[in-house]
Amino acid sequence: MNSTLNEESVLGAAFLRHEEPMDDALAHDDAVYRTLLESTKAIPWKIDWNTMEFAYIGPQIEAVLGWTPSSWKTVQDWAERMHPEDRDAVLEFCVAQSKAGVDHEADYRALTKSGGYVWIRDVVHVVRDAQGRVEALVGFMFDISERKKTEEKLARLQKELEELSFKDALTGAGNRRMFDIVMNREWASALQNDSTLSLIMLDIDFFKSYNDYYGHLQGDECLKRIAQALETAKRPSDFLGRFGGEEFVLVLPQTNAIVASEVAERCREQIASQRILHERSPHKQQVTASFGVGTIIPSEHTDTVTFINLVDTQLYNAKDNGRNRITAINRA
């Protein structure tokens, strides 16, 4: 990557910023200058501004794209050999910069003769005549395909890292950090739109006993299965997160109290359908969960912490009243 950058810098200084018209430079020492231009991997070119025809393009173009130098006759050839998704934006940018007499560069995918595409960086210098009018464009094309592959790979890795930083490593649900972000975002949205916001908090019943009896590895598997059941039960617009330990949370935007309780019941039923054996549970010796549900229309006199604590209280009311049940509060 660095070698390509250095090459762009050196050639830019030697060629793109050259004060003489390219024809005069070539006339001064044609053989030496052509050897210099054609010994680099970069592809030198020149376009006459008045005719929009290629006055010169280096033979390296054939090695990179497969098209012979003689096939590059006009700007139209250059435009037609550009990826359709890149063409309009690149043409608009390059034409505007050229008319303004501004040196510029553009990245785009160029069509190869075999039908594939190669990433090209075009570095362009605008040549003016004595009156300051645009006379020609001279520049270099660089094959930056490998650089683009590296950039895309780094971008994918960065995205994966960002996703991991917001996910619970064990269950794949959102983590506490993501919950905080989603909760604050949906609270602000509900406050602005004067709409309802619901929250479901649930805790796996007798989970300490489960871990003690079956072991922590089996406990981890239990948490994974519960997360999968909740993912199945929730709606696409709902956020599922692991609040901590054996506790999960669902954020339900624009959801009233009735619908929120329906979602909670669906979650409870999905957990029951897993039929996860729990010898120490009084509820049919199966894993169950207790739920706290809350609905609110946020106002300037309320805040997320108070609301979360309110729903958490409902959860513990459910646990204190026999577990495997739903307790709800409506402040909307």
C-alpha atoms as a PDB file:
ATOM      1  CA  MET A   1       0.000   0.000   0.000  1.00  0.00           C
ATOM      2  CA  ASN A   2       2.745   2.437   0.886  1.00  0.00           C
ATOM      3  CA  SER A   3       4.634   1.774  -2.352  1.00  0.00           C
ATOM      4  CA  THR A   4       1.565   2.794  -4.356  1.00  0.00           C
ATOM      5  CA  LEU A   5       1.205   5.963  -2.352  1.00  0.00           C
ATOM      6  CA  ASN A   6       4.861   6.810  -2.850  1.00  0.00           C
ATOM      7  CA  GLU A   7       4.551   6.191  -6.565  1.00  0.00           C
ATOM      8  CA  GLU A   8       1.568   8.517  -6.783  1.00  0.00           C
ATOM      9  CA  SER A   9       3.497  11.185  -4.923  1.00  0.00           C
ATOM     10  CA  VAL A  10       6.646  10.935  -7.035  1.00  0.00           C
ATOM     11  CA  LEU A  11       4.837  10.756 -10.358  1.00  0.00           C
ATOM     12  CA  GLY A  12       2.522  13.532  -9.319  1.00  0.00           C
ATOM     13  CA  ALA A  13       5.498  15.784  -8.713  1.00  0.00           C
ATOM     14  CA  ALA A  14       7.335  14.732 -11.871  1.00  0.00           C
ATOM     15  CA  PHE A  15       4.425  14.663 -14.286  1.00  0.00           C
ATOM     16  CA  LEU A  16       1.113  16.004 -13.031  1.00  0.00           C
ATOM     17  CA  ARG A  17       2.612  19.237 -11.734  1.00  0.00           C
ATOM     18  CA  HIS A  18       4.907  19.721 -14.753  1.00  0.00           C
ATOM     19  CA  GLU A  19       4.653  23.302 -15.989  1.00  0.00           C
ATOM     20  CA  GLU A  20       5.422  22.483 -19.639  1.00  0.00           C
ATOM     21  CA  PRO A  21       2.759  21.076 -21.972  1.00  0.00           C
ATOM     22  CA  MET A  22       3.282  17.341 -22.359  1.00  0.00           C
ATOM     23  CA  ASP A  23       4.094  17.614 -26.084  1.00  0.00           C
ATOM     24  CA  ASP A  24       6.983  20.025 -25.381  1.00  0.00           C
ATOM     25  CA  ALA A  25       8.390  17.689 -22.729  1.00  0.00           C
ATOM     26  CA  LEU A  26       8.261  14.743 -25.082  1.00  0.00           C
ATOM     27  CA  ALA A  27       9.826  16.768 -27.883  1.00  0.00           C
ATOM     28  CA  HIS A  28      12.702  17.717 -25.579  1.00  0.00           C
ATOM     29  CA  ASP A  29      13.772  14.143 -25.071  1.00  0.00           C
ATOM     30  CA  ASP A  30      11.144  11.823 -26.454  1.00  0.00           C
ATOM     31  CA  ALA A  31      12.919   8.516 -25.937  1.00  0.00           C
ATOM     32  CA  VAL A  32      14.020   9.180 -22.372  1.00  0.00           C
ATOM     33  CA  TYR A  33      10.678  10.590 -21.335  1.00  0.00           C
ATOM     34  CA  ARG A  34       8.704   7.715 -22.849  1.00  0.00           C
ATOM     35  CA  THR A  35      11.006   5.244 -21.126  1.00  0.00           C
ATOM     36  CA  LEU A  36      10.323   6.982 -17.820  1.00  0.00           C
ATOM     37  CA  LEU A  37       6.579   6.974 -18.346  1.00  0.00           C
ATOM     38  CA  GLU A  38       6.335   3.433 -19.613  1.00  0.00           C
ATOM     39  CA  SER A  39       8.624   1.846 -17.016  1.00  0.00           C
ATOM     40  CA  THR A  40       6.204   2.526 -14.165  1.00  0.00           C
ATOM     41  CA  LYS A  41       3.164   0.446 -13.308  1.00  0.00           C
ATOM     42  CA  ALA A  42       1.086   3.604 -13.367  1.00  0.00           C
ATOM     43  CA  ILE A  43      -0.656   4.359 -16.658  1.00  0.00           C
ATOM     44  CA  PRO A  44       0.109   7.854 -18.015  1.00  0.00           C
ATOM     45  CA  TRP A  45      -2.384   9.539 -20.306  1.00  0.00           C
ATOM     46  CA  LYS A  46      -3.252  12.848 -21.901  1.00  0.00           C
ATOM     47  CA  ILE A  47      -6.574  14.168 -23.218  1.00  0.00           C
ATOM     48  CA  ASP A  48      -6.939  17.188 -25.472  1.00  0.00           C
ATOM     49  CA  TRP A  49      -9.623  19.360 -23.890  1.00  0.00           C
ATOM     50  CA  ASN A  50     -10.964  20.837 -27.129  1.00  0.00           C
ATOM     51  CA  THR A  51     -11.416  17.521 -28.954  1.00  0.00           C
ATOM     52  CA  MET A  52     -11.882  15.274 -25.892  1.00  0.00           C
ATOM     53  CA  GLU A  53      -9.592  12.775 -27.607  1.00  0.00           C
ATOM     54  CA  PHE A  54      -6.741  10.816 -26.096  1.00  0.00           C
ATOM     55  CA  ALA A  55      -3.467  12.308 -27.262  1.00  0.00           C
ATOM     56  CA  TYR A  56      -1.587   9.582 -25.435  1.00  0.00           C
ATOM     57  CA  ILE A  57      -2.143   6.609 -23.144  1.00  0.00           C
ATOM     58  CA  GLY A  58       0.604   4.336 -21.858  1.00  0.00           C
ATOM     59  CA  PRO A  59       0.973   0.744 -23.061  1.00  0.00           C
ATOM     60  CA  GLN A  60       0.541  -0.432 -19.431  1.00  0.00           C
ATOM     61  CA  ILE A  61      -3.212  -0.053 -19.952  1.00  0.00           C
ATOM     62  CA  GLU A  62      -3.315  -3.317 -21.886  1.00  0.00           C
ATOM     63  CA  ALA A  63      -1.674  -5.294 -19.056  1.00  0.00           C
ATOM     64  CA  VAL A  64      -4.120  -3.910 -16.508  1.00  0.00           C
ATOM     65  CA  LEU A  65      -7.408  -3.852 -18.433  1.00  0.00           C
ATOM     66  CA  GLY A  66      -6.740  -5.802 -21.624  1.00  0.00           C
ATOM     67  CA  TRP A  67      -7.692  -2.907 -23.921  1.00  0.00           C
ATOM     68  CA  THR A  68      -4.994  -1.840 -26.369  1.00  0.00           C
ATOM     69  CA  PRO A  69      -3.812   1.793 -26.271  1.00  0.00           C
ATOM     70  CA  SER A  70      -5.172   2.317 -29.785  1.00  0.00           C
ATOM     71  CA  SER A  71      -8.691   1.501 -28.559  1.00  0.00           C
ATOM     72  CA  TRP A  72      -8.701   4.543 -26.257  1.00  0.00           C
ATOM     73  CA  LYS A  73      -9.717   7.216 -28.727  1.00  0.00           C
ATOM     74  CA  THR A  74     -12.043   9.600 -26.885  1.00  0.00           C
ATOM     75  CA  VAL A  75     -13.376  10.396 -23.427  1.00  0.00           C
ATOM     76  CA  GLN A  76     -16.420   8.352 -24.396  1.00  0.00           C
ATOM     77  CA  ASP A  77     -14.283   5.203 -24.411  1.00  0.00           C
ATOM     78  CA  TRP A  78     -13.135   6.019 -20.886  1.00  0.00           C
ATOM     79  CA  ALA A  79     -16.708   6.636 -19.699  1.00  0.00           C
ATOM     80  CA  GLU A  80     -18.158   3.516 -21.326  1.00  0.00           C
ATOM     81  CA  ARG A  81     -15.467   1.364 -19.690  1.00  0.00           C
ATOM     82  CA  MET A  82     -16.497   2.458 -16.234  1.00  0.00           C
ATOM     83  CA  HIS A  83     -18.794   0.478 -13.945  1.00  0.00           C
ATOM     84  CA  PRO A  84     -22.399   1.719 -14.396  1.00  0.00           C
ATOM     85  CA  GLU A  85     -22.752   2.244 -10.640  1.00  0.00           C
ATOM     86  CA  ASP A  86     -19.715   4.540 -10.596  1.00  0.00           C
ATOM     87  CA  ARG A  87     -20.112   6.313 -13.927  1.00  0.00           C
ATOM     88  CA  ASP A  88     -22.516   9.187 -13.264  1.00  0.00           C
ATOM     89  CA  ALA A  89     -20.925  10.355 -10.017  1.00  0.00           C
ATOM     90  CA  VAL A  90     -17.361  10.131 -11.354  1.00  0.00           C
ATOM     91  CA  LEU A  91     -18.167  11.868 -14.628  1.00  0.00           C
ATOM     92  CA  GLU A  92     -20.029  14.676 -12.876  1.00  0.00           C
ATOM     93  CA  PHE A  93     -17.195  15.184 -10.409  1.00  0.00           C
ATOM     94  CA  CYS A  94     -14.345  15.017 -12.937  1.00  0.00           C
ATOM     95  CA  VAL A  95     -16.033  17.295 -15.481  1.00  0.00           C
ATOM     96  CA  ALA A  96     -16.846  19.898 -12.828  1.00  0.00           C
ATOM     97  CA  GLN A  97     -13.324  19.853 -11.402  1.00  0.00           C
ATOM     98  CA  SER A  98     -11.734  19.994 -14.842  1.00  0.00           C
ATOM     99  CA  LYS A  99     -13.873  22.927 -15.967  1.00  0.00           C
ATOM    100  CA  ALA A 100     -12.900  24.736 -12.792  1.00  0.00           C
ATOM    101  CA  GLY A 101      -9.238  24.021 -13.494  1.00  0.00           C
ATOM    102  CA  VAL A 102      -8.822  22.056 -10.264  1.00  0.00           C
ATOM    103  CA  ASP A 103      -6.501  19.064 -10.030  1.00  0.00           C
ATOM    104  CA  HIS A 104      -8.356  16.064  -8.674  1.00  0.00           C
ATOM    105  CA  GLU A 105      -8.513  12.308  -8.320  1.00  0.00           C
ATOM    106  CA  ALA A 106     -11.273   9.727  -8.530  1.00  0.00           C
ATOM    107  CA  ASP A 107     -11.675   6.039  -7.700  1.00  0.00           C
ATOM    108  CA  TYR A 108     -13.872   3.813  -9.860  1.00  0.00           C
ATOM    109  CA  ARG A 109     -14.185   0.317 -11.262  1.00  0.00           C
ATOM    110  CA  ALA A 110     -12.937  -0.025 -14.835  1.00  0.00           C
ATOM    111  CA  LEU A 111     -14.192  -2.709 -17.202  1.00  0.00           C
ATOM    112  CA  THR A 112     -11.616  -5.213 -18.440  1.00  0.00           C
ATOM    113  CA  LYS A 113     -11.731  -6.653 -21.935  1.00  0.00           C
ATOM    114  CA  SER A 114     -12.571 -10.050 -20.413  1.00  0.00           C
ATOM    115  CA  GLY A 115     -15.649  -8.597 -18.697  1.00  0.00           C
ATOM    116  CA  GLY A 116     -14.367  -8.178 -15.148  1.00  0.00           C
ATOM    117  CA  TYR A 117     -13.635  -5.003 -13.226  1.00  0.00           C
ATOM    118  CA  VAL A 118     -10.470  -3.487 -11.778  1.00  0.00           C
ATOM    119  CA  TRP A 119     -10.394  -0.680  -9.224  1.00  0.00           C
ATOM    120  CA  ILE A 120      -8.645   2.359 -10.708  1.00  0.00           C
ATOM    121  CA  ARG A 121      -7.493   5.591  -9.111  1.00  0.00           C
ATOM    122  CA  ASP A 122      -7.250   8.386 -11.670  1.00  0.00           C
ATOM    123  CA  VAL A 123      -5.026  11.290 -10.607  1.00  0.00           C
ATOM    124  CA  VAL A 124      -5.672  14.284 -12.880  1.00  0.00           C
ATOM    125  CA  HIS A 125      -3.775  17.520 -13.537  1.00  0.00           C
ATOM    126  CA  VAL A 126      -5.418  20.338 -15.503  1.00  0.00           C
ATOM    127  CA  VAL A 127      -3.072  22.015 -18.008  1.00  0.00           C
ATOM    128  CA  ARG A 128      -3.834  25.635 -18.942  1.00  0.00           C
ATOM    129  CA  ASP A 129      -2.629  27.772 -21.809  1.00  0.00           C
ATOM    130  CA  ALA A 130      -1.057  31.236 -21.472  1.00  0.00           C
ATOM    131  CA  GLN A 131      -4.515  32.808 -21.144  1.00  0.00           C
ATOM    132  CA  GLY A 132      -5.488  30.451 -18.352  1.00  0.00           C
ATOM    133  CA  ARG A 133      -7.901  28.427 -20.429  1.00  0.00           C
ATOM    134  CA  VAL A 134      -8.047  24.658 -19.992  1.00  0.00           C
ATOM    135  CA  GLU A 135      -5.906  23.121 -22.708  1.00  0.00           C
ATOM    136  CA  ALA A 136      -5.481  19.505 -21.707  1.00  0.00           C
ATOM    137  CA  LEU A 137      -5.854  16.954 -18.945  1.00  0.00           C
ATOM    138  CA  VAL A 138      -2.881  14.794 -18.056  1.00  0.00           C
ATOM    139  CA  GLY A 139      -2.749  12.140 -15.432  1.00  0.00           C
ATOM    140  CA  PHE A 140      -2.036   8.648 -14.227  1.00  0.00           C
ATOM    141  CA  MET A 141      -4.270   5.662 -13.700  1.00  0.00           C
ATOM    142  CA  PHE A 142      -3.276   3.380 -10.819  1.00  0.00           C
ATOM    143  CA  ASP A 143      -4.502  -0.152 -10.267  1.00  0.00           C
ATOM    144  CA  ILE A 144      -5.676  -0.033  -6.640  1.00  0.00           C
ATOM    145  CA  SER A 145      -7.567  -3.337  -6.615  1.00  0.00           C
ATOM    146  CA  GLU A 146      -5.400  -4.871  -3.905  1.00  0.00           C
ATOM    147  CA  ARG A 147      -5.708  -1.758  -1.799  1.00  0.00           C
ATOM    148  CA  LYS A 148      -9.495  -1.825  -2.180  1.00  0.00           C
ATOM    149  CA  LYS A 149      -9.581  -5.495  -1.173  1.00  0.00           C
ATOM    150  CA  THR A 150      -7.576  -4.654   1.930  1.00  0.00           C
ATOM    151  CA  GLU A 151      -9.822  -1.691   2.724  1.00  0.00           C
ATOM    152  CA  GLU A 152     -12.963  -3.790   2.271  1.00  0.00           C
ATOM    153  CA  LYS A 153     -11.536  -6.542   4.462  1.00  0.00           C
ATOM    154  CA  LEU A 154     -10.654  -4.016   7.160  1.00  0.00           C
ATOM    155  CA  ALA A 155     -14.123  -2.484   6.891  1.00  0.00           C
ATOM    156  CA  ARG A 156     -15.727  -5.933   7.328  1.00  0.00           C
ATOM    157  CA  LEU A 157     -13.512  -6.659  10.318  1.00  0.00           C
ATOM    158  CA  GLN A 158     -14.345  -3.277  11.815  1.00  0.00           C
ATOM    159  CA  LYS A 159     -18.055  -3.942  11.358  1.00  0.00           C
ATOM    160  CA  GLU A 160     -17.703  -7.381  12.951  1.00  0.00           C
ATOM    161  CA  LEU A 161     -15.827  -5.887  15.891  1.00  0.00           C
ATOM    162  CA  GLU A 162     -18.476  -3.209  16.324  1.00  0.00           C
ATOM    163  CA  GLU A 163     -21.215  -5.837  16.242  1.00  0.00           C
ATOM    164  CA  LEU A 164     -19.349  -7.971  18.760  1.00  0.00           C
ATOM    165  CA  SER A 165     -18.914  -4.992  21.047  1.00  0.00           C
ATOM    166  CA  PHE A 166     -22.725  -4.682  21.204  1.00  0.00           C
ATOM    167  CA  LYS A 167     -23.511  -8.391  21.538  1.00  0.00           C
ATOM    168  CA  ASP A 168     -23.510 -10.748  24.465  1.00  0.00           C
ATOM    169  CA  ALA A 169     -20.811 -13.284  23.622  1.00  0.00           C
ATOM    170  CA  LEU A 170     -22.732 -16.253  25.049  1.00  0.00           C
ATOM    171  CA  THR A 171     -26.282 -15.775  23.810  1.00  0.00           C
ATOM    172  CA  GLY A 172     -25.882 -13.463  20.805  1.00  0.00           C
ATOM    173  CA  ALA A 173     -28.473 -11.090  22.256  1.00  0.00           C
ATOM    174  CA  GLY A 174     -27.616  -7.432  22.658  1.00  0.00           C
ATOM    175  CA  ASN A 175     -25.409  -6.698  25.642  1.00  0.00           C
ATOM    176  CA  ARG A 176     -25.943  -4.190  28.433  1.00  0.00           C
ATOM    177  CA  ARG A 177     -24.100  -1.489  26.481  1.00  0.00           C
ATOM    178  CA  MET A 178     -26.432  -1.937  23.514  1.00  0.00           C
ATOM    179  CA  PHE A 179     -29.474  -1.969  25.770  1.00  0.00           C
ATOM    180  CA  ASP A 180     -28.475   1.397  27.216  1.00  0.00           C
ATOM    181  CA  ILE A 181     -28.106   2.852  23.715  1.00  0.00           C
ATOM    182  CA  VAL A 182     -31.416   1.440  22.461  1.00  0.00           C
ATOM    183  CA  MET A 183     -33.308   2.415  25.599  1.00  0.00           C
ATOM    184  CA  ASN A 184     -32.072   6.000  25.500  1.00  0.00           C
ATOM    185  CA  ARG A 185     -32.781   6.252  21.772  1.00  0.00           C
ATOM    186  CA  GLU A 186     -36.329   4.890  22.030  1.00  0.00           C
ATOM    187  CA  TRP A 187     -37.027   6.978  25.121  1.00  0.00           C
ATOM    188  CA  ALA A 188     -36.004  10.139  23.258  1.00  0.00           C
ATOM    189  CA  SER A 189     -38.125   9.119  20.270  1.00  0.00           C
ATOM    190  CA  ALA A 190     -41.183   8.421  22.411  1.00  0.00           C
ATOM    191  CA  LEU A 191     -40.687  11.702  24.259  1.00  0.00           C
ATOM    192  CA  GLN A 192     -40.524  13.630  21.000  1.00  0.00           C
ATOM    193  CA  ASN A 193     -43.516  11.864  19.424  1.00  0.00           C
ATOM    194  CA  ASP A 194     -45.592  11.600  22.612  1.00  0.00           C
ATOM    195  CA  SER A 195     -45.870   7.840  22.008  1.00  0.00           C
ATOM    196  CA  THR A 196     -45.895   4.783  24.241  1.00  0.00           C
ATOM    197  CA  LEU A 197     -42.807   2.784  25.125  1.00  0.00           C
ATOM    198  CA  SER A 198     -42.893  -0.631  26.791  1.00  0.00           C
ATOM    199  CA  LEU A 199     -40.237  -2.640  28.554  1.00  0.00           C
ATOM    200  CA  ILE A 200     -40.165  -6.323  29.490  1.00  0.00           C
ATOM    201  CA  MET A 201     -37.700  -7.650  32.032  1.00  0.00           C
ATOM    202  CA  LEU A 202     -37.511 -11.372  32.776  1.00  0.00           C
ATOM    203  CA  ASP A 203     -35.504 -13.589  35.042  1.00  0.00           C
ATOM    204  CA  ILE A 204     -35.069 -17.374  34.731  1.00  0.00           C
ATOM    205  CA  ASP A 205     -36.629 -19.013  37.750  1.00  0.00           C
ATOM    206  CA  PHE A 206     -34.403 -20.918  40.182  1.00  0.00           C
ATOM    207  CA  PHE A 207     -31.405 -20.527  37.892  1.00  0.00           C
ATOM    208  CA  LYS A 208     -28.856 -20.734  40.706  1.00  0.00           C
ATOM    209  CA  SER A 209     -30.302 -24.115  41.617  1.00  0.00           C
ATOM    210  CA  TYR A 210     -30.128 -25.103  37.952  1.00  0.00           C
ATOM    211  CA  ASN A 211     -26.424 -24.223  37.788  1.00  0.00           C
ATOM    212  CA  ASP A 212     -25.689 -25.989  41.065  1.00  0.00           C
ATOM    213  CA  TYR A 213     -27.444 -29.154  39.917  1.00  0.00           C
ATOM    214  CA  TYR A 214     -26.462 -29.349  36.240  1.00  0.00           C
ATOM    215  CA  GLY A 215     -23.214 -27.361  36.187  1.00  0.00           C
ATOM    216  CA  HIS A 216     -22.268 -24.073  34.571  1.00  0.00           C
ATOM    217  CA  LEU A 217     -21.719 -25.489  31.098  1.00  0.00           C
ATOM    218  CA  GLN A 218     -25.258 -26.813  31.038  1.00  0.00           C
ATOM    219  CA  GLY A 219     -26.333 -23.484  32.501  1.00  0.00           C
ATOM    220  CA  ASP A 220     -24.764 -21.707  29.550  1.00  0.00           C
ATOM    221  CA  GLU A 221     -26.649 -23.947  27.146  1.00  0.00           C
ATOM    222  CA  CYS A 222     -29.850 -23.134  28.997  1.00  0.00           C
ATOM    223  CA  LEU A 223     -29.221 -19.396  28.581  1.00  0.00           C
ATOM    224  CA  LYS A 224     -28.618 -19.874  24.860  1.00  0.00           C
ATOM    225  CA  ARG A 225     -31.884 -21.749  24.427  1.00  0.00           C
ATOM    226  CA  ILE A 226     -33.807 -19.132  26.387  1.00  0.00           C
ATOM    227  CA  ALA A 227     -32.333 -16.376  24.192  1.00  0.00           C
ATOM    228  CA  GLN A 228     -33.380 -18.300  21.075  1.00  0.00           C
ATOM    229  CA  ALA A 229     -36.903 -18.735  22.426  1.00  0.00           C
ATOM    230  CA  LEU A 230     -37.179 -15.022  23.166  1.00  0.00           C
ATOM    231  CA  GLU A 231     -35.868 -14.155  19.702  1.00  0.00           C
ATOM    232  CA  THR A 232     -38.616 -16.316  18.215  1.00  0.00           C
ATOM    233  CA  ALA A 233     -41.309 -14.739  20.377  1.00  0.00           C
ATOM    234  CA  LYS A 234     -40.455 -11.080  19.946  1.00  0.00           C
ATOM    235  CA  ARG A 235     -41.452  -8.881  17.026  1.00  0.00           C
ATOM    236  CA  PRO A 236     -38.867  -7.676  14.458  1.00  0.00           C
ATOM    237  CA  SER A 237     -39.068  -4.134  15.850  1.00  0.00           C
ATOM    238  CA  ASP A 238     -38.345  -5.249  19.430  1.00  0.00           C
ATOM    239  CA  PHE A 239     -34.866  -5.229  20.922  1.00  0.00           C
ATOM    240  CA  LEU A 240     -33.676  -8.251  22.904  1.00  0.00           C
ATOM    241  CA  GLY A 241     -30.776  -7.930  25.289  1.00  0.00           C
ATOM    242  CA  ARG A 242     -29.138  -9.811  28.112  1.00  0.00           C
ATOM    243  CA  PHE A 243     -29.398  -7.539  31.105  1.00  0.00           C
ATOM    244  CA  GLY A 244     -27.025  -9.588  33.206  1.00  0.00           C
ATOM    245  CA  GLY A 245     -26.692 -13.130  34.564  1.00  0.00           C
ATOM    246  CA  GLU A 246     -29.971 -14.946  33.933  1.00  0.00           C
ATOM    247  CA  GLU A 247     -31.919 -11.739  33.302  1.00  0.00           C
ATOM    248  CA  PHE A 248     -33.065 -10.584  29.854  1.00  0.00           C
ATOM    249  CA  VAL A 249     -34.787  -7.437  28.660  1.00  0.00           C
ATOM    250  CA  LEU A 250     -36.937  -6.466  25.686  1.00  0.00           C
ATOM    251  CA  VAL A 251     -37.507  -2.892  24.524  1.00  0.00           C
ATOM    252  CA  LEU A 252     -40.806  -2.456  22.652  1.00  0.00           C
ATOM    253  CA  PRO A 253     -41.086   0.882  20.778  1.00  0.00           C
ATOM    254  CA  GLN A 254     -44.553   2.371  20.158  1.00  0.00           C
ATOM    255  CA  THR A 255     -46.197  -0.454  22.062  1.00  0.00           C
ATOM    256  CA  ASN A 256     -49.166  -0.120  24.413  1.00  0.00           C
ATOM    257  CA  ALA A 257     -49.711  -2.070  27.614  1.00  0.00           C
ATOM    258  CA  ILE A 258     -52.020  -4.693  26.100  1.00  0.00           C
ATOM    259  CA  VAL A 259     -49.639  -5.602  23.288  1.00  0.00           C
ATOM    260  CA  ALA A 260     -46.645  -5.566  25.647  1.00  0.00           C
ATOM    261  CA  SER A 261     -48.353  -8.131  27.903  1.00  0.00           C
ATOM    262  CA  GLU A 262     -49.182 -10.235  24.847  1.00  0.00           C
ATOM    263  CA  VAL A 263     -45.511 -10.234  23.806  1.00  0.00           C
ATOM    264  CA  ALA A 264     -44.487 -11.178  27.342  1.00  0.00           C
ATOM    265  CA  GLU A 265     -46.974 -14.066  27.373  1.00  0.00           C
ATOM    266  CA  ARG A 266     -45.692 -15.250  24.017  1.00  0.00           C
ATOM    267  CA  CYS A 267     -42.152 -15.215  25.437  1.00  0.00           C
ATOM    268  CA  ARG A 268     -43.306 -17.216  28.478  1.00  0.00           C
ATOM    269  CA  GLU A 269     -44.994 -19.779  26.236  1.00  0.00           C
ATOM    270  CA  GLN A 270     -41.946 -20.090  23.986  1.00  0.00           C
ATOM    271  CA  ILE A 271     -39.749 -20.797  26.994  1.00  0.00           C
ATOM    272  CA  ALA A 272     -42.231 -23.448  28.172  1.00  0.00           C
ATOM    273  CA  SER A 273     -42.205 -25.038  24.714  1.00  0.00           C
ATOM    274  CA  GLN A 274     -38.474 -25.653  25.047  1.00  0.00           C
ATOM    275  CA  ARG A 275     -39.225 -28.182  27.830  1.00  0.00           C
ATOM    276  CA  ILE A 276     -35.825 -27.664  29.417  1.00  0.00           C
ATOM    277  CA  LEU A 277     -35.566 -30.139  32.294  1.00  0.00           C
ATOM    278  CA  HIS A 278     -35.065 -28.605  35.742  1.00  0.00           C
ATOM    279  CA  GLU A 279     -35.277 -31.190  38.477  1.00  0.00           C
ATOM    280  CA  ARG A 280     -35.308 -28.570  41.240  1.00  0.00           C
ATOM    281  CA  SER A 281     -38.149 -26.465  39.834  1.00  0.00           C
ATOM    282  CA  PRO A 282     -41.667 -26.864  41.268  1.00  0.00           C
ATOM    283  CA  HIS A 283     -43.113 -25.888  37.877  1.00  0.00           C
ATOM    284  CA  LYS A 284     -43.414 -29.318  36.224  1.00  0.00           C
ATOM    285  CA  GLN A 285     -39.635 -29.710  36.762  1.00  0.00           C
ATOM    286  CA  GLN A 286     -39.012 -27.467  33.757  1.00  0.00           C
ATOM    287  CA  VAL A 287     -37.233 -24.153  33.261  1.00  0.00           C
ATOM    288  CA  THR A 288     -39.587 -21.180  33.506  1.00  0.00           C
ATOM    289  CA  ALA A 289     -39.208 -17.409  33.813  1.00  0.00           C
ATOM    290  CA  SER A 290     -40.840 -14.545  35.650  1.00  0.00           C
ATOM    291  CA  PHE A 291     -41.734 -11.307  33.866  1.00  0.00           C
ATOM    292  CA  GLY A 292     -42.090  -7.661  34.752  1.00  0.00           C
ATOM    293  CA  VAL A 293     -43.767  -5.434  32.145  1.00  0.00           C
ATOM    294  CA  GLY A 294     -44.080  -1.671  32.076  1.00  0.00           C
ATOM    295  CA  THR A 295     -45.588   0.836  29.666  1.00  0.00           C
ATOM    296  CA  ILE A 296     -45.113   4.584  29.732  1.00  0.00           C
ATOM    297  CA  ILE A 297     -45.447   7.764  27.695  1.00  0.00           C
ATOM    298  CA  PRO A 298     -42.197   9.565  28.579  1.00  0.00           C
ATOM    299  CA  SER A 299     -42.375  13.159  29.762  1.00  0.00           C
ATOM    300  CA  GLU A 300     -39.993  15.783  31.008  1.00  0.00           C
ATOM    301  CA  HIS A 301     -40.800  14.662  34.553  1.00  0.00           C
ATOM    302  CA  THR A 302     -39.748  11.028  34.003  1.00  0.00           C
ATOM    303  CA  ASP A 303     -36.455   9.336  33.179  1.00  0.00           C
ATOM    304  CA  THR A 304     -35.225   5.962  31.961  1.00  0.00           C
ATOM    305  CA  VAL A 305     -33.601   4.906  35.241  1.00  0.00           C
ATOM    306  CA  THR A 306     -36.807   5.408  37.220  1.00  0.00           C
ATOM    307  CA  PHE A 307     -38.812   3.537  34.578  1.00  0.00           C
ATOM    308  CA  ILE A 308     -36.375   0.608  34.456  1.00  0.00           C
ATOM    309  CA  ASN A 309     -36.473   0.352  38.263  1.00  0.00           C
ATOM    310  CA  LEU A 310     -40.267   0.412  38.125  1.00  0.00           C
ATOM    311  CA  VAL A 311     -40.331  -2.521  35.688  1.00  0.00           C
ATOM    312  CA  ASP A 312     -37.682  -4.337  37.711  1.00  0.00           C
ATOM    313  CA  THR A 313     -39.966  -4.037  40.734  1.00  0.00           C
ATOM    314  CA  GLN A 314     -42.747  -5.695  38.732  1.00  0.00           C
ATOM    315  CA  LEU A 315     -40.372  -8.534  37.903  1.00  0.00           C
ATOM    316  CA  TYR A 316     -39.632  -9.148  41.554  1.00  0.00           C
ATOM    317  CA  ASN A 317     -43.329  -8.961  42.370  1.00  0.00           C
ATOM    318  CA  ALA A 318     -43.827 -11.807  39.895  1.00  0.00           C
ATOM    319  CA  LYS A 319     -41.067 -13.797  41.563  1.00  0.00           C
ATOM    320  CA  ASP A 320     -42.437 -13.120  45.042  1.00  0.00           C
ATOM    321  CA  ASN A 321     -45.889 -14.298  43.959  1.00  0.00           C
ATOM    322  CA  GLY A 322     -44.902 -17.767  42.816  1.00  0.00           C
ATOM    323  CA  ARG A 323     -42.745 -17.208  39.697  1.00  0.00           C
ATOM    324  CA  ASN A 324     -43.581 -18.320  36.136  1.00  0.00           C
ATOM    325  CA  ARG A 325     -45.950 -15.394  35.808  1.00  0.00           C
ATOM    326  CA  ILE A 326     -46.243 -11.852  34.429  1.00  0.00           C
ATOM    327  CA  THR A 327     -46.771  -8.708  36.486  1.00  0.00           C
ATOM    328  CA  ALA A 328     -47.387  -5.466  34.627  1.00  0.00           C
ATOM    329  CA  ILE A 329     -47.771  -1.767  35.303  1.00  0.00           C
ATOM    330  CA  ASN A 330     -49.189   0.871  32.978  1.00  0.00           C
ATOM    331  CA  ARG A 331     -48.095   4.513  33.310  1.00  0.00           C
ATOM    332  CA  ALA A 332     -49.225   5.568  29.821  1.00  0.00           C
END
